[in-house]
Amino acid sequence: MEWFGAMALVATLIWLYLEILRLIAKLRS
């Protein structure tokens, strides 16, 4: 079950990264 938690953590970090990139792109335009 540990690997599942690790995968969920990685997925959350990637999602946050993409959300921040989208926010920056929106602010620049």
PDB file of N, CA and C in Angstrom:
ATOM      1  N   MET A   1       0.829  -1.204   0.000  1.00  0.00           N
ATOM      2  CA  MET A   1       0.000   0.000   0.000  1.00  0.00           C
ATOM      3  C   MET A   1       0.869   1.262   0.000  1.00  0.00           C
ATOM      4  N   GLU A   2       2.123   1.135   0.366  1.00  0.00           N
ATOM      5  CA  GLU A   2       3.005   2.310   0.389  1.00  0.00           C
ATOM      6  C   GLU A   2       3.204   2.901  -0.996  1.00  0.00           C
ATOM      7  N   TRP A   3       3.351   2.015  -1.986  1.00  0.00           N
ATOM      8  CA  TRP A   3       3.576   2.517  -3.351  1.00  0.00           C
ATOM      9  C   TRP A   3       2.371   3.295  -3.851  1.00  0.00           C
ATOM     10  N   PHE A   4       1.176   2.892  -3.402  1.00  0.00           N
ATOM     11  CA  PHE A   4      -0.034   3.616  -3.810  1.00  0.00           C
ATOM     12  C   PHE A   4       0.001   5.042  -3.252  1.00  0.00           C
ATOM     13  N   GLY A   5       0.411   5.160  -2.004  1.00  0.00           N
ATOM     14  CA  GLY A   5       0.515   6.485  -1.389  1.00  0.00           C
ATOM     15  C   GLY A   5       1.559   7.333  -2.097  1.00  0.00           C
ATOM     16  N   ALA A   6       2.671   6.705  -2.474  1.00  0.00           N
ATOM     17  CA  ALA A   6       3.728   7.427  -3.181  1.00  0.00           C
ATOM     18  C   ALA A   6       3.233   7.903  -4.543  1.00  0.00           C
ATOM     19  N   MET A   7       2.497   7.038  -5.245  1.00  0.00           N
ATOM     20  CA  MET A   7       1.968   7.405  -6.559  1.00  0.00           C
ATOM     21  C   MET A   7       0.973   8.551  -6.427  1.00  0.00           C
ATOM     22  N   ALA A   8       0.135   8.503  -5.393  1.00  0.00           N
ATOM     23  CA  ALA A   8      -0.841   9.570  -5.173  1.00  0.00           C
ATOM     24  C   ALA A   8      -0.126  10.893  -4.886  1.00  0.00           C
ATOM     25  N   LEU A   9       0.953  10.829  -4.122  1.00  0.00           N
ATOM     26  CA  LEU A   9       1.715  12.031  -3.794  1.00  0.00           C
ATOM     27  C   LEU A   9       2.345  12.623  -5.047  1.00  0.00           C
ATOM     28  N   VAL A  10       2.953  11.772  -5.872  1.00  0.00           N
ATOM     29  CA  VAL A  10       3.577  12.234  -7.115  1.00  0.00           C
ATOM     30  C   VAL A  10       2.531  12.841  -8.043  1.00  0.00           C
ATOM     31  N   ALA A  11       1.375  12.181  -8.151  1.00  0.00           N
ATOM     32  CA  ALA A  11       0.310  12.687  -9.025  1.00  0.00           C
ATOM     33  C   ALA A  11      -0.162  14.059  -8.541  1.00  0.00           C
ATOM     34  N   THR A  12      -0.262  14.232  -7.221  1.00  0.00           N
ATOM     35  CA  THR A  12      -0.689  15.515  -6.668  1.00  0.00           C
ATOM     36  C   THR A  12       0.332  16.601  -6.966  1.00  0.00           C
ATOM     37  N   LEU A  13       1.617  16.268  -6.828  1.00  0.00           N
ATOM     38  CA  LEU A  13       2.667  17.247  -7.102  1.00  0.00           C
ATOM     39  C   LEU A  13       2.656  17.662  -8.561  1.00  0.00           C
ATOM     40  N   ILE A  14       2.482  16.692  -9.475  1.00  0.00           N
ATOM     41  CA  ILE A  14       2.431  16.994 -10.907  1.00  0.00           C
ATOM     42  C   ILE A  14       1.228  17.879 -11.205  1.00  0.00           C
ATOM     43  N   TRP A  15       0.083  17.557 -10.598  1.00  0.00           N
ATOM     44  CA  TRP A  15      -1.129  18.345 -10.822  1.00  0.00           C
ATOM     45  C   TRP A  15      -0.928  19.784 -10.340  1.00  0.00           C
ATOM     46  N   LEU A  16      -0.322  19.933  -9.159  1.00  0.00           N
ATOM     47  CA  LEU A  16      -0.066  21.274  -8.631  1.00  0.00           C
ATOM     48  C   LEU A  16       0.864  22.049  -9.556  1.00  0.00           C
ATOM     49  N   TYR A  17       1.901  21.377 -10.068  1.00  0.00           N
ATOM     50  CA  TYR A  17       2.863  22.002 -10.971  1.00  0.00           C
ATOM     51  C   TYR A  17       2.165  22.519 -12.223  1.00  0.00           C
ATOM     52  N   LEU A  18       1.294  21.680 -12.794  1.00  0.00           N
ATOM     53  CA  LEU A  18       0.566  22.077 -14.000  1.00  0.00           C
ATOM     54  C   LEU A  18      -0.394  23.229 -13.718  1.00  0.00           C
ATOM     55  N   GLU A  19      -1.052  23.201 -12.571  1.00  0.00           N
ATOM     56  CA  GLU A  19      -1.972  24.276 -12.213  1.00  0.00           C
ATOM     57  C   GLU A  19      -1.230  25.608 -12.071  1.00  0.00           C
ATOM     58  N   ILE A  20      -0.053  25.568 -11.445  1.00  0.00           N
ATOM     59  CA  ILE A  20       0.742  26.787 -11.270  1.00  0.00           C
ATOM     60  C   ILE A  20       1.208  27.313 -12.622  1.00  0.00           C
ATOM     61  N   LEU A  21       1.627  26.409 -13.512  1.00  0.00           N
ATOM     62  CA  LEU A  21       2.049  26.832 -14.846  1.00  0.00           C
ATOM     63  C   LEU A  21       0.898  27.503 -15.579  1.00  0.00           C
ATOM     64  N   ARG A  22      -0.293  26.924 -15.467  1.00  0.00           N
ATOM     65  CA  ARG A  22      -1.454  27.493 -16.145  1.00  0.00           C
ATOM     66  C   ARG A  22      -1.779  28.881 -15.580  1.00  0.00           C
ATOM     67  N   LEU A  23      -1.642  29.027 -14.264  1.00  0.00           N
ATOM     68  CA  LEU A  23      -1.913  30.310 -13.624  1.00  0.00           C
ATOM     69  C   LEU A  23      -0.919  31.368 -14.109  1.00  0.00           C
ATOM     70  N   ILE A  24       0.366  30.998 -14.181  1.00  0.00           N
ATOM     71  CA  ILE A  24       1.394  31.928 -14.662  1.00  0.00           C
ATOM     72  C   ILE A  24       1.116  32.323 -16.109  1.00  0.00           C
ATOM     73  N   ALA A  25       0.744  31.363 -16.932  1.00  0.00           N
ATOM     74  CA  ALA A  25       0.447  31.646 -18.338  1.00  0.00           C
ATOM     75  C   ALA A  25      -0.735  32.603 -18.445  1.00  0.00           C
ATOM     76  N   LYS A  26      -1.711  32.424 -17.558  1.00  0.00           N
ATOM     77  CA  LYS A  26      -2.896  33.278 -17.584  1.00  0.00           C
ATOM     78  C   LYS A  26      -2.527  34.705 -17.166  1.00  0.00           C
ATOM     79  N   LEU A  27      -1.638  34.833 -16.181  1.00  0.00           N
ATOM     80  CA  LEU A  27      -1.240  36.155 -15.706  1.00  0.00           C
ATOM     81  C   LEU A  27      -0.415  36.898 -16.755  1.00  0.00           C
ATOM     82  N   ARG A  28       0.383  36.159 -17.525  1.00  0.00           N
ATOM     83  CA  ARG A  28       1.248  36.797 -18.521  1.00  0.00           C
ATOM     84  C   ARG A  28       0.473  37.308 -19.722  1.00  0.00           C
ATOM     85  N   SER A  29      -0.587  36.643 -20.093  1.00  0.00           N
ATOM     86  CA  SER A  29      -1.311  37.021 -21.311  1.00  0.00           C
ATOM     87  C   SER A  29      -2.105  38.319 -21.138  1.00  0.00           C
TER      88      SER A  29
END
